[in-house]
């Protein structure tokens, strides 16, 4: 009797181990509704404080041409610029190894969530409330990479999106 129970248990273990793996969720489900990037661009070599926004871009947006680099707790690199009037700022964060657009769709941490396009790339505009002085634009540049433009000041979403457009246009195509 004990031997029969052991044989049955062993047989079940073998059948379970050899069974086909559970089907994976379709790609669309794993993206939580985030659109895929059609013409990928590469942020991996992008320096948030140098090269992605040039002096002319910064001046046109009313920002100081001198950015302050920072490293986030996640290890992602960023840069802060103050407005020339000192009443606002722009933060740019480059995320080279995580699909930040998928993360944004999955968490939807702000009540105002608007899918948009930035220079042909899928993106979102988010705010705590309509008319908030802070707006975050998250841009997917390729599978597994992207960047965030966060603007605080008057017309915050316009400022964040305008900065994101300048950055997106400065990025090279993804190799390969």
N, C-alpha and C. Protein backbone atom coordinates (compact mmCIF):
# COMPACT_ATOMS: atom_id res chain seq x y z
N UNK A 1 0.83 -1.18 0.00
CA UNK A 1 0.00 0.00 0.00
C UNK A 1 0.88 1.26 0.00
N UNK A 2 1.89 1.27 0.91
CA UNK A 2 2.79 2.41 0.97
C UNK A 2 3.58 2.51 -0.32
N UNK A 3 4.01 1.34 -0.84
CA UNK A 3 4.76 1.33 -2.08
C UNK A 3 3.90 1.89 -3.22
N UNK A 4 2.65 1.51 -3.30
CA UNK A 4 1.74 2.00 -4.34
C UNK A 4 1.57 3.51 -4.23
N UNK A 5 1.47 4.03 -3.01
CA UNK A 5 1.32 5.48 -2.79
C UNK A 5 2.58 6.21 -3.24
N UNK A 6 3.75 5.66 -2.96
CA UNK A 6 5.02 6.26 -3.38
C UNK A 6 5.13 6.28 -4.90
N UNK A 7 4.77 5.17 -5.54
CA UNK A 7 4.81 5.10 -7.00
C UNK A 7 3.86 6.13 -7.61
N UNK A 8 2.65 6.28 -7.03
CA UNK A 8 1.66 7.24 -7.53
C UNK A 8 2.20 8.65 -7.36
N UNK A 9 2.78 8.96 -6.19
CA UNK A 9 3.33 10.30 -5.94
C UNK A 9 4.46 10.60 -6.91
N UNK A 10 5.35 9.64 -7.14
CA UNK A 10 6.45 9.82 -8.06
C UNK A 10 5.93 10.01 -9.49
N UNK A 11 4.93 9.26 -9.87
CA UNK A 11 4.34 9.39 -11.21
C UNK A 11 3.74 10.77 -11.40
N UNK A 12 3.04 11.27 -10.39
CA UNK A 12 2.45 12.62 -10.49
C UNK A 12 3.53 13.68 -10.60
N UNK A 13 4.62 13.51 -9.86
CA UNK A 13 5.71 14.47 -9.92
C UNK A 13 6.32 14.50 -11.32
N UNK A 14 6.51 13.33 -11.92
CA UNK A 14 7.08 13.25 -13.27
C UNK A 14 6.13 13.87 -14.28
N UNK A 15 4.85 13.58 -14.18
CA UNK A 15 3.86 14.14 -15.11
C UNK A 15 3.81 15.65 -14.97
N UNK A 16 3.83 16.16 -13.74
CA UNK A 16 3.79 17.59 -13.50
C UNK A 16 5.04 18.26 -14.07
N UNK A 17 6.19 17.66 -13.85
CA UNK A 17 7.45 18.23 -14.34
C UNK A 17 7.52 18.23 -15.86
N UNK A 18 6.90 17.24 -16.48
CA UNK A 18 6.98 17.12 -17.93
C UNK A 18 5.83 17.82 -18.64
N UNK A 19 4.86 18.30 -17.90
CA UNK A 19 3.72 18.97 -18.52
C UNK A 19 4.19 20.24 -19.22
N UNK A 20 3.47 20.62 -20.22
CA UNK A 20 3.80 21.83 -20.97
C UNK A 20 3.70 23.03 -20.03
N UNK A 21 4.61 24.01 -20.18
CA UNK A 21 4.55 25.19 -19.32
C UNK A 21 3.26 25.96 -19.57
N UNK A 22 2.85 26.69 -18.56
CA UNK A 22 1.65 27.52 -18.71
C UNK A 22 1.88 28.52 -19.83
N UNK A 23 0.86 28.78 -20.62
CA UNK A 23 1.04 29.72 -21.73
C UNK A 23 1.36 31.11 -21.20
N UNK A 24 2.26 31.81 -21.88
CA UNK A 24 2.62 33.18 -21.50
C UNK A 24 1.55 34.13 -22.00
N UNK A 25 1.41 35.22 -21.30
CA UNK A 25 0.44 36.24 -21.70
C UNK A 25 0.87 36.81 -23.05
N UNK A 26 -0.07 37.15 -23.90
CA UNK A 26 0.29 37.78 -25.17
C UNK A 26 1.08 39.07 -24.92
N UNK A 27 1.89 39.45 -25.90
CA UNK A 27 2.73 40.64 -25.77
C UNK A 27 1.91 41.85 -25.36
N UNK A 28 0.75 42.05 -25.97
CA UNK A 28 -0.08 43.22 -25.66
C UNK A 28 -0.44 43.25 -24.18
N UNK A 29 -0.72 42.10 -23.57
CA UNK A 29 -1.06 42.06 -22.16
C UNK A 29 0.15 42.41 -21.29
N UNK A 30 1.34 42.00 -21.69
CA UNK A 30 2.54 42.30 -20.92
C UNK A 30 2.92 43.77 -21.03
N UNK A 31 2.38 44.48 -21.98
CA UNK A 31 2.67 45.90 -22.15
C UNK A 31 1.64 46.78 -21.44
N UNK A 32 0.62 46.18 -20.84
CA UNK A 32 -0.39 46.90 -20.06
C UNK A 32 -1.04 48.03 -20.86
N UNK A 33 -1.14 47.85 -22.17
CA UNK A 33 -1.77 48.85 -23.03
C UNK A 33 -0.80 49.84 -23.65
N UNK A 34 0.45 49.81 -23.24
CA UNK A 34 1.44 50.74 -23.81
C UNK A 34 1.71 50.37 -25.26
N UNK A 35 1.65 51.35 -26.15
CA UNK A 35 1.94 51.07 -27.56
C UNK A 35 3.41 50.70 -27.78
N UNK A 36 3.66 49.92 -28.81
CA UNK A 36 5.03 49.57 -29.15
C UNK A 36 5.65 50.68 -29.98
N UNK A 37 6.96 50.79 -29.90
CA UNK A 37 7.70 51.80 -30.65
C UNK A 37 7.91 51.29 -32.06
N UNK A 38 7.53 52.10 -33.05
CA UNK A 38 7.64 51.71 -34.45
C UNK A 38 9.02 52.04 -35.02
N UNK A 39 9.54 53.22 -34.69
CA UNK A 39 10.86 53.64 -35.18
C UNK A 39 11.75 53.90 -33.97
N UNK A 40 12.37 52.83 -33.40
CA UNK A 40 13.11 52.97 -32.15
C UNK A 40 14.31 53.89 -32.23
N UNK A 41 14.54 54.57 -31.11
CA UNK A 41 15.70 55.44 -30.95
C UNK A 41 16.44 55.00 -29.70
N UNK A 42 17.72 55.32 -29.65
CA UNK A 42 18.60 54.79 -28.61
C UNK A 42 18.96 55.85 -27.57
N UNK A 43 18.58 55.62 -26.31
CA UNK A 43 18.95 56.54 -25.22
C UNK A 43 20.18 56.07 -24.46
N UNK A 44 20.69 54.88 -24.78
CA UNK A 44 21.76 54.28 -23.97
C UNK A 44 23.01 55.14 -23.87
N UNK A 45 23.34 55.88 -24.88
CA UNK A 45 24.55 56.72 -24.81
C UNK A 45 24.23 58.16 -24.45
N UNK A 46 22.96 58.45 -24.18
CA UNK A 46 22.55 59.83 -23.93
C UNK A 46 22.96 60.34 -22.56
N UNK A 47 23.60 61.49 -22.55
CA UNK A 47 23.95 62.17 -21.31
C UNK A 47 22.86 63.20 -21.03
N UNK A 48 22.12 63.03 -19.94
CA UNK A 48 21.01 63.94 -19.68
C UNK A 48 21.42 65.41 -19.61
N UNK A 49 22.64 65.71 -19.15
CA UNK A 49 23.07 67.11 -19.03
C UNK A 49 23.84 67.61 -20.25
N UNK A 50 24.19 66.74 -21.16
CA UNK A 50 24.98 67.19 -22.29
C UNK A 50 24.62 66.47 -23.56
N UNK A 51 24.19 67.20 -24.55
CA UNK A 51 23.95 66.61 -25.86
C UNK A 51 22.50 66.37 -26.22
N UNK A 52 21.66 66.04 -25.24
CA UNK A 52 20.26 65.78 -25.58
C UNK A 52 19.47 67.08 -25.72
N UNK A 53 19.83 68.07 -24.97
CA UNK A 53 19.28 69.41 -25.12
C UNK A 53 20.46 70.35 -25.31
N UNK A 54 20.52 71.05 -26.43
CA UNK A 54 21.65 71.96 -26.62
C UNK A 54 21.30 73.34 -26.04
N UNK A 55 22.28 74.22 -26.02
CA UNK A 55 22.11 75.55 -25.43
C UNK A 55 20.95 76.31 -26.07
N UNK A 56 20.82 76.21 -27.38
CA UNK A 56 19.74 76.92 -28.07
C UNK A 56 18.38 76.40 -27.63
N UNK A 57 18.25 75.05 -27.45
CA UNK A 57 16.99 74.47 -26.97
C UNK A 57 16.66 75.00 -25.58
N UNK A 58 17.66 74.99 -24.70
CA UNK A 58 17.46 75.43 -23.32
C UNK A 58 17.05 76.90 -23.25
N UNK A 59 17.73 77.76 -24.01
CA UNK A 59 17.41 79.19 -24.03
C UNK A 59 16.00 79.40 -24.57
N UNK A 60 15.64 78.69 -25.64
CA UNK A 60 14.31 78.81 -26.23
C UNK A 60 13.21 78.41 -25.24
N UNK A 61 13.52 77.50 -24.31
CA UNK A 61 12.55 77.07 -23.32
C UNK A 61 12.62 77.89 -22.04
N UNK A 62 13.47 78.94 -22.04
CA UNK A 62 13.58 79.80 -20.86
C UNK A 62 14.31 79.15 -19.71
N UNK A 63 15.23 78.24 -20.01
CA UNK A 63 15.98 77.52 -18.98
C UNK A 63 17.44 77.96 -18.96
N UNK A 64 18.06 77.82 -17.81
CA UNK A 64 19.48 78.06 -17.67
C UNK A 64 20.21 77.06 -18.57
N UNK A 65 21.34 77.48 -19.12
CA UNK A 65 22.09 76.56 -19.99
C UNK A 65 22.97 75.62 -19.17
N UNK A 66 22.99 75.81 -17.88
CA UNK A 66 23.81 74.97 -17.01
C UNK A 66 22.92 74.02 -16.21
N UNK A 67 23.04 72.72 -16.51
CA UNK A 67 22.25 71.73 -15.80
C UNK A 67 23.00 71.14 -14.62
N UNK A 68 22.24 70.59 -13.69
CA UNK A 68 22.85 69.95 -12.51
C UNK A 68 22.62 68.45 -12.62
N UNK A 69 23.69 67.66 -12.83
CA UNK A 69 23.53 66.21 -12.97
C UNK A 69 23.13 65.56 -11.64
N UNK A 70 22.43 64.43 -11.75
CA UNK A 70 22.07 63.67 -10.56
C UNK A 70 21.93 62.20 -10.94
N UNK A 71 22.05 61.35 -9.94
CA UNK A 71 21.84 59.92 -10.12
C UNK A 71 20.72 59.53 -9.17
N UNK A 72 19.67 58.91 -9.71
CA UNK A 72 18.53 58.51 -8.89
C UNK A 72 18.85 57.24 -8.12
N UNK A 73 18.03 56.90 -7.14
CA UNK A 73 18.23 55.68 -6.36
C UNK A 73 18.19 54.44 -7.25
N UNK A 74 17.49 54.52 -8.37
CA UNK A 74 17.42 53.39 -9.30
C UNK A 74 18.69 53.22 -10.11
N UNK A 75 19.59 54.21 -10.02
CA UNK A 75 20.81 54.18 -10.81
C UNK A 75 20.66 54.96 -12.12
N UNK A 76 19.44 55.34 -12.46
CA UNK A 76 19.22 56.12 -13.68
C UNK A 76 19.80 57.52 -13.50
N UNK A 77 20.30 58.07 -14.62
CA UNK A 77 20.91 59.40 -14.58
C UNK A 77 19.90 60.46 -15.00
N UNK A 78 20.02 61.63 -14.37
CA UNK A 78 19.13 62.73 -14.69
C UNK A 78 19.88 64.05 -14.68
N UNK A 79 19.14 65.10 -15.02
CA UNK A 79 19.69 66.45 -15.01
C UNK A 79 18.56 67.42 -14.69
N UNK A 80 18.87 68.43 -13.87
CA UNK A 80 17.91 69.48 -13.52
C UNK A 80 18.37 70.81 -14.08
N UNK A 81 17.44 71.58 -14.63
CA UNK A 81 17.69 72.94 -15.07
C UNK A 81 16.65 73.85 -14.43
N UNK A 82 17.04 75.02 -13.97
CA UNK A 82 16.11 76.02 -13.45
C UNK A 82 15.71 76.94 -14.59
N UNK A 83 14.51 77.50 -14.48
CA UNK A 83 14.11 78.51 -15.46
C UNK A 83 14.93 79.77 -15.18
N UNK A 84 15.12 80.60 -16.18
CA UNK A 84 15.93 81.80 -16.00
C UNK A 84 15.30 82.74 -14.98
N UNK A 85 13.99 82.70 -14.83
CA UNK A 85 13.31 83.51 -13.82
C UNK A 85 13.36 82.88 -12.44
N UNK A 86 13.80 81.62 -12.35
CA UNK A 86 13.93 80.94 -11.08
C UNK A 86 12.63 80.40 -10.51
N UNK A 87 11.53 80.49 -11.26
CA UNK A 87 10.23 80.06 -10.73
C UNK A 87 9.81 78.67 -11.21
N UNK A 88 10.68 77.97 -11.92
CA UNK A 88 10.34 76.64 -12.41
C UNK A 88 11.59 75.85 -12.72
N UNK A 89 11.38 74.61 -13.11
CA UNK A 89 12.54 73.78 -13.47
C UNK A 89 12.12 72.62 -14.36
N UNK A 90 13.11 72.08 -15.03
CA UNK A 90 12.95 70.91 -15.88
C UNK A 90 13.88 69.83 -15.36
N UNK A 91 13.36 68.61 -15.26
CA UNK A 91 14.20 67.45 -14.94
C UNK A 91 14.08 66.48 -16.10
N UNK A 92 15.22 66.01 -16.57
CA UNK A 92 15.28 65.02 -17.64
C UNK A 92 15.95 63.77 -17.06
N UNK A 93 15.29 62.61 -17.21
CA UNK A 93 15.84 61.35 -16.70
C UNK A 93 15.93 60.36 -17.86
N UNK A 94 17.12 59.80 -18.07
CA UNK A 94 17.35 58.81 -19.12
C UNK A 94 17.28 57.42 -18.49
N UNK A 95 16.48 56.54 -19.09
CA UNK A 95 16.29 55.18 -18.56
C UNK A 95 16.67 54.19 -19.66
N UNK A 96 17.93 53.73 -19.65
CA UNK A 96 18.44 52.91 -20.75
C UNK A 96 18.15 51.42 -20.64
N UNK A 97 17.66 50.94 -19.50
CA UNK A 97 17.52 49.49 -19.36
C UNK A 97 16.22 49.05 -18.70
N UNK A 98 15.17 49.84 -18.88
CA UNK A 98 13.85 49.47 -18.36
C UNK A 98 12.80 50.11 -19.25
N UNK A 99 11.73 49.40 -19.51
CA UNK A 99 10.67 49.96 -20.37
C UNK A 99 9.78 50.86 -19.53
N UNK A 100 10.23 52.10 -19.39
CA UNK A 100 9.56 53.06 -18.51
C UNK A 100 8.15 53.37 -19.01
N UNK A 101 7.89 53.27 -20.31
CA UNK A 101 6.54 53.52 -20.81
C UNK A 101 5.59 52.42 -20.34
N UNK A 102 6.02 51.17 -20.38
CA UNK A 102 5.21 50.07 -19.87
C UNK A 102 4.98 50.25 -18.37
N UNK A 103 6.02 50.63 -17.63
CA UNK A 103 5.86 50.89 -16.19
C UNK A 103 4.81 51.97 -15.94
N UNK A 104 4.82 53.00 -16.76
CA UNK A 104 3.88 54.10 -16.60
C UNK A 104 2.45 53.65 -16.86
N UNK A 105 2.23 52.86 -17.90
CA UNK A 105 0.90 52.33 -18.19
C UNK A 105 0.44 51.37 -17.09
N UNK A 106 1.37 50.58 -16.58
CA UNK A 106 1.02 49.60 -15.56
C UNK A 106 0.62 50.29 -14.25
N UNK A 107 1.36 51.31 -13.83
CA UNK A 107 1.10 51.92 -12.52
C UNK A 107 0.07 53.04 -12.57
N UNK A 108 0.04 53.80 -13.66
CA UNK A 108 -0.89 54.94 -13.77
C UNK A 108 -1.04 55.65 -12.43
N UNK A 109 0.06 56.19 -11.96
CA UNK A 109 0.08 56.77 -10.62
C UNK A 109 -0.57 58.15 -10.51
N UNK A 110 -0.85 58.80 -11.61
CA UNK A 110 -1.48 60.12 -11.56
C UNK A 110 -2.90 60.06 -12.14
N UNK A 111 -3.82 60.83 -11.57
CA UNK A 111 -5.21 60.82 -12.06
C UNK A 111 -5.35 61.32 -13.50
N UNK A 112 -4.52 62.28 -13.90
CA UNK A 112 -4.57 62.78 -15.28
C UNK A 112 -3.54 61.99 -16.07
N UNK A 113 -4.01 61.16 -16.99
CA UNK A 113 -3.16 60.26 -17.77
C UNK A 113 -3.60 60.38 -19.22
N UNK A 114 -2.72 60.90 -20.07
CA UNK A 114 -3.08 61.12 -21.48
C UNK A 114 -2.02 60.51 -22.40
N UNK A 115 -2.37 59.48 -23.18
CA UNK A 115 -1.45 58.96 -24.19
C UNK A 115 -1.25 60.01 -25.28
N UNK A 116 0.00 60.20 -25.68
CA UNK A 116 0.34 61.16 -26.73
C UNK A 116 1.45 60.58 -27.61
N UNK A 117 1.86 61.34 -28.60
CA UNK A 117 3.02 61.04 -29.44
C UNK A 117 4.02 62.17 -29.26
N UNK A 118 5.29 61.84 -29.17
CA UNK A 118 6.36 62.83 -29.08
C UNK A 118 7.36 62.50 -30.19
N UNK A 119 7.41 63.35 -31.19
CA UNK A 119 8.32 63.15 -32.33
C UNK A 119 8.18 61.74 -32.90
N UNK A 120 6.95 61.24 -33.00
CA UNK A 120 6.67 59.93 -33.57
C UNK A 120 6.84 58.77 -32.61
N UNK A 121 7.17 59.04 -31.35
CA UNK A 121 7.33 57.99 -30.34
C UNK A 121 6.13 57.97 -29.40
N UNK A 122 5.75 56.79 -28.91
CA UNK A 122 4.63 56.73 -27.97
C UNK A 122 5.04 57.33 -26.62
N UNK A 123 4.11 58.07 -26.02
CA UNK A 123 4.41 58.76 -24.77
C UNK A 123 3.14 58.97 -23.97
N UNK A 124 3.30 59.50 -22.76
CA UNK A 124 2.16 59.88 -21.93
C UNK A 124 2.43 61.24 -21.31
N UNK A 125 1.34 61.95 -21.02
CA UNK A 125 1.39 63.17 -20.20
C UNK A 125 0.61 62.87 -18.94
N UNK A 126 1.22 63.17 -17.79
CA UNK A 126 0.57 62.88 -16.51
C UNK A 126 0.66 64.08 -15.57
N UNK A 127 -0.43 64.25 -14.80
CA UNK A 127 -0.47 65.30 -13.79
C UNK A 127 -1.28 64.83 -12.59
N UNK A 128 -1.02 65.43 -11.45
CA UNK A 128 -1.79 65.13 -10.24
C UNK A 128 -3.23 65.61 -10.39
N UNK A 129 -3.41 66.74 -11.08
CA UNK A 129 -4.74 67.27 -11.36
C UNK A 129 -4.62 68.20 -12.56
N UNK A 130 -5.72 68.43 -13.26
CA UNK A 130 -5.72 69.30 -14.43
C UNK A 130 -5.26 70.69 -14.00
N UNK A 131 -4.30 71.24 -14.71
CA UNK A 131 -3.79 72.57 -14.40
C UNK A 131 -2.68 72.58 -13.36
N UNK A 132 -2.21 71.40 -12.94
CA UNK A 132 -1.12 71.32 -11.97
C UNK A 132 0.10 72.03 -12.52
N UNK A 133 0.90 72.57 -11.62
CA UNK A 133 2.12 73.27 -12.02
C UNK A 133 3.24 72.29 -12.39
N UNK A 134 3.01 70.98 -12.21
CA UNK A 134 4.01 69.97 -12.58
C UNK A 134 3.38 68.98 -13.55
N UNK A 135 4.13 68.63 -14.58
CA UNK A 135 3.66 67.67 -15.57
C UNK A 135 4.82 66.75 -15.94
N UNK A 136 4.51 65.47 -16.07
CA UNK A 136 5.51 64.47 -16.43
C UNK A 136 5.17 63.90 -17.80
N UNK A 137 6.14 63.91 -18.70
CA UNK A 137 6.00 63.28 -20.01
C UNK A 137 6.97 62.11 -20.03
N UNK A 138 6.43 60.91 -20.23
CA UNK A 138 7.24 59.69 -20.30
C UNK A 138 7.24 59.22 -21.75
N UNK A 139 8.41 58.95 -22.29
CA UNK A 139 8.55 58.59 -23.70
C UNK A 139 9.22 57.22 -23.81
N UNK A 140 8.61 56.32 -24.57
CA UNK A 140 9.23 55.04 -24.90
C UNK A 140 10.03 55.22 -26.16
N UNK A 141 11.33 54.94 -26.10
CA UNK A 141 12.18 55.12 -27.27
C UNK A 141 12.47 53.80 -27.99
N UNK A 142 12.37 52.69 -27.26
CA UNK A 142 12.59 51.35 -27.81
C UNK A 142 12.11 50.37 -26.74
N UNK A 143 12.01 49.10 -27.11
CA UNK A 143 11.66 48.10 -26.09
C UNK A 143 12.78 48.11 -25.05
N UNK A 144 12.42 48.34 -23.80
CA UNK A 144 13.39 48.31 -22.73
C UNK A 144 14.14 49.59 -22.47
N UNK A 145 13.72 50.71 -23.06
CA UNK A 145 14.36 51.98 -22.77
C UNK A 145 13.44 53.16 -23.05
N UNK A 146 13.78 54.29 -22.47
CA UNK A 146 12.98 55.50 -22.64
C UNK A 146 13.55 56.63 -21.80
N UNK A 147 12.76 57.70 -21.67
CA UNK A 147 13.18 58.83 -20.84
C UNK A 147 11.96 59.55 -20.30
N UNK A 148 12.20 60.38 -19.28
CA UNK A 148 11.15 61.15 -18.63
C UNK A 148 11.54 62.62 -18.66
N UNK A 149 10.58 63.46 -19.02
CA UNK A 149 10.73 64.90 -18.97
C UNK A 149 9.71 65.41 -17.97
N UNK A 150 10.17 66.05 -16.91
CA UNK A 150 9.29 66.52 -15.84
C UNK A 150 9.48 68.02 -15.71
N UNK A 151 8.40 68.79 -15.89
CA UNK A 151 8.50 70.24 -15.89
C UNK A 151 7.59 70.82 -14.82
N UNK A 152 8.14 71.76 -14.06
CA UNK A 152 7.35 72.49 -13.06
C UNK A 152 7.41 73.96 -13.42
N UNK A 153 6.25 74.57 -13.56
CA UNK A 153 6.16 75.99 -13.91
C UNK A 153 4.88 76.23 -14.68
N UNK A 154 4.73 77.45 -15.19
CA UNK A 154 3.55 77.80 -15.97
C UNK A 154 3.51 76.94 -17.23
N UNK A 155 2.32 76.54 -17.66
CA UNK A 155 2.14 75.69 -18.85
C UNK A 155 3.03 74.46 -18.75
N UNK A 156 2.94 73.77 -17.62
CA UNK A 156 3.87 72.68 -17.32
C UNK A 156 3.86 71.57 -18.36
N UNK A 157 2.69 71.16 -18.84
CA UNK A 157 2.66 70.06 -19.83
C UNK A 157 3.25 70.49 -21.16
N UNK A 158 3.02 71.75 -21.53
CA UNK A 158 3.63 72.24 -22.77
C UNK A 158 5.15 72.25 -22.64
N UNK A 159 5.67 72.67 -21.46
CA UNK A 159 7.11 72.70 -21.23
C UNK A 159 7.71 71.31 -21.23
N UNK A 160 7.05 70.37 -20.55
CA UNK A 160 7.56 69.00 -20.49
C UNK A 160 7.55 68.35 -21.87
N UNK A 161 6.47 68.59 -22.63
CA UNK A 161 6.38 67.98 -23.95
C UNK A 161 7.36 68.62 -24.93
N UNK A 162 7.53 69.92 -24.84
CA UNK A 162 8.47 70.58 -25.75
C UNK A 162 9.90 70.08 -25.50
N UNK A 163 10.28 69.92 -24.23
CA UNK A 163 11.61 69.39 -23.90
C UNK A 163 11.74 67.95 -24.42
N UNK A 164 10.69 67.15 -24.22
CA UNK A 164 10.71 65.76 -24.69
C UNK A 164 10.87 65.68 -26.20
N UNK A 165 10.23 66.57 -26.93
CA UNK A 165 10.36 66.57 -28.39
C UNK A 165 11.79 66.88 -28.82
N UNK A 166 12.42 67.88 -28.16
CA UNK A 166 13.82 68.21 -28.48
C UNK A 166 14.72 67.00 -28.22
N UNK A 167 14.51 66.33 -27.09
CA UNK A 167 15.33 65.16 -26.74
C UNK A 167 15.12 64.03 -27.75
N UNK A 168 13.86 63.72 -28.04
CA UNK A 168 13.53 62.62 -28.96
C UNK A 168 14.17 62.84 -30.33
N UNK A 169 14.16 64.08 -30.80
CA UNK A 169 14.75 64.39 -32.10
C UNK A 169 16.27 64.30 -32.09
N UNK A 170 16.88 64.46 -30.90
CA UNK A 170 18.34 64.40 -30.79
C UNK A 170 18.86 62.97 -30.69
N UNK A 171 17.98 62.01 -30.42
CA UNK A 171 18.41 60.61 -30.23
C UNK A 171 18.70 59.92 -31.57
N UNK A 172 19.76 59.13 -31.62
CA UNK A 172 20.05 58.38 -32.84
C UNK A 172 19.11 57.17 -32.97
N UNK A 173 18.94 56.67 -34.19
CA UNK A 173 18.15 55.45 -34.36
C UNK A 173 18.81 54.30 -33.60
N UNK A 174 18.00 53.37 -33.17
CA UNK A 174 18.52 52.18 -32.47
C UNK A 174 19.29 51.33 -33.49
N UNK A 175 20.55 51.00 -33.20
CA UNK A 175 21.32 50.18 -34.16
C UNK A 175 20.74 48.77 -34.29
N UNK A 176 20.93 48.22 -35.46
CA UNK A 176 20.59 46.83 -35.69
C UNK A 176 19.22 46.63 -36.08
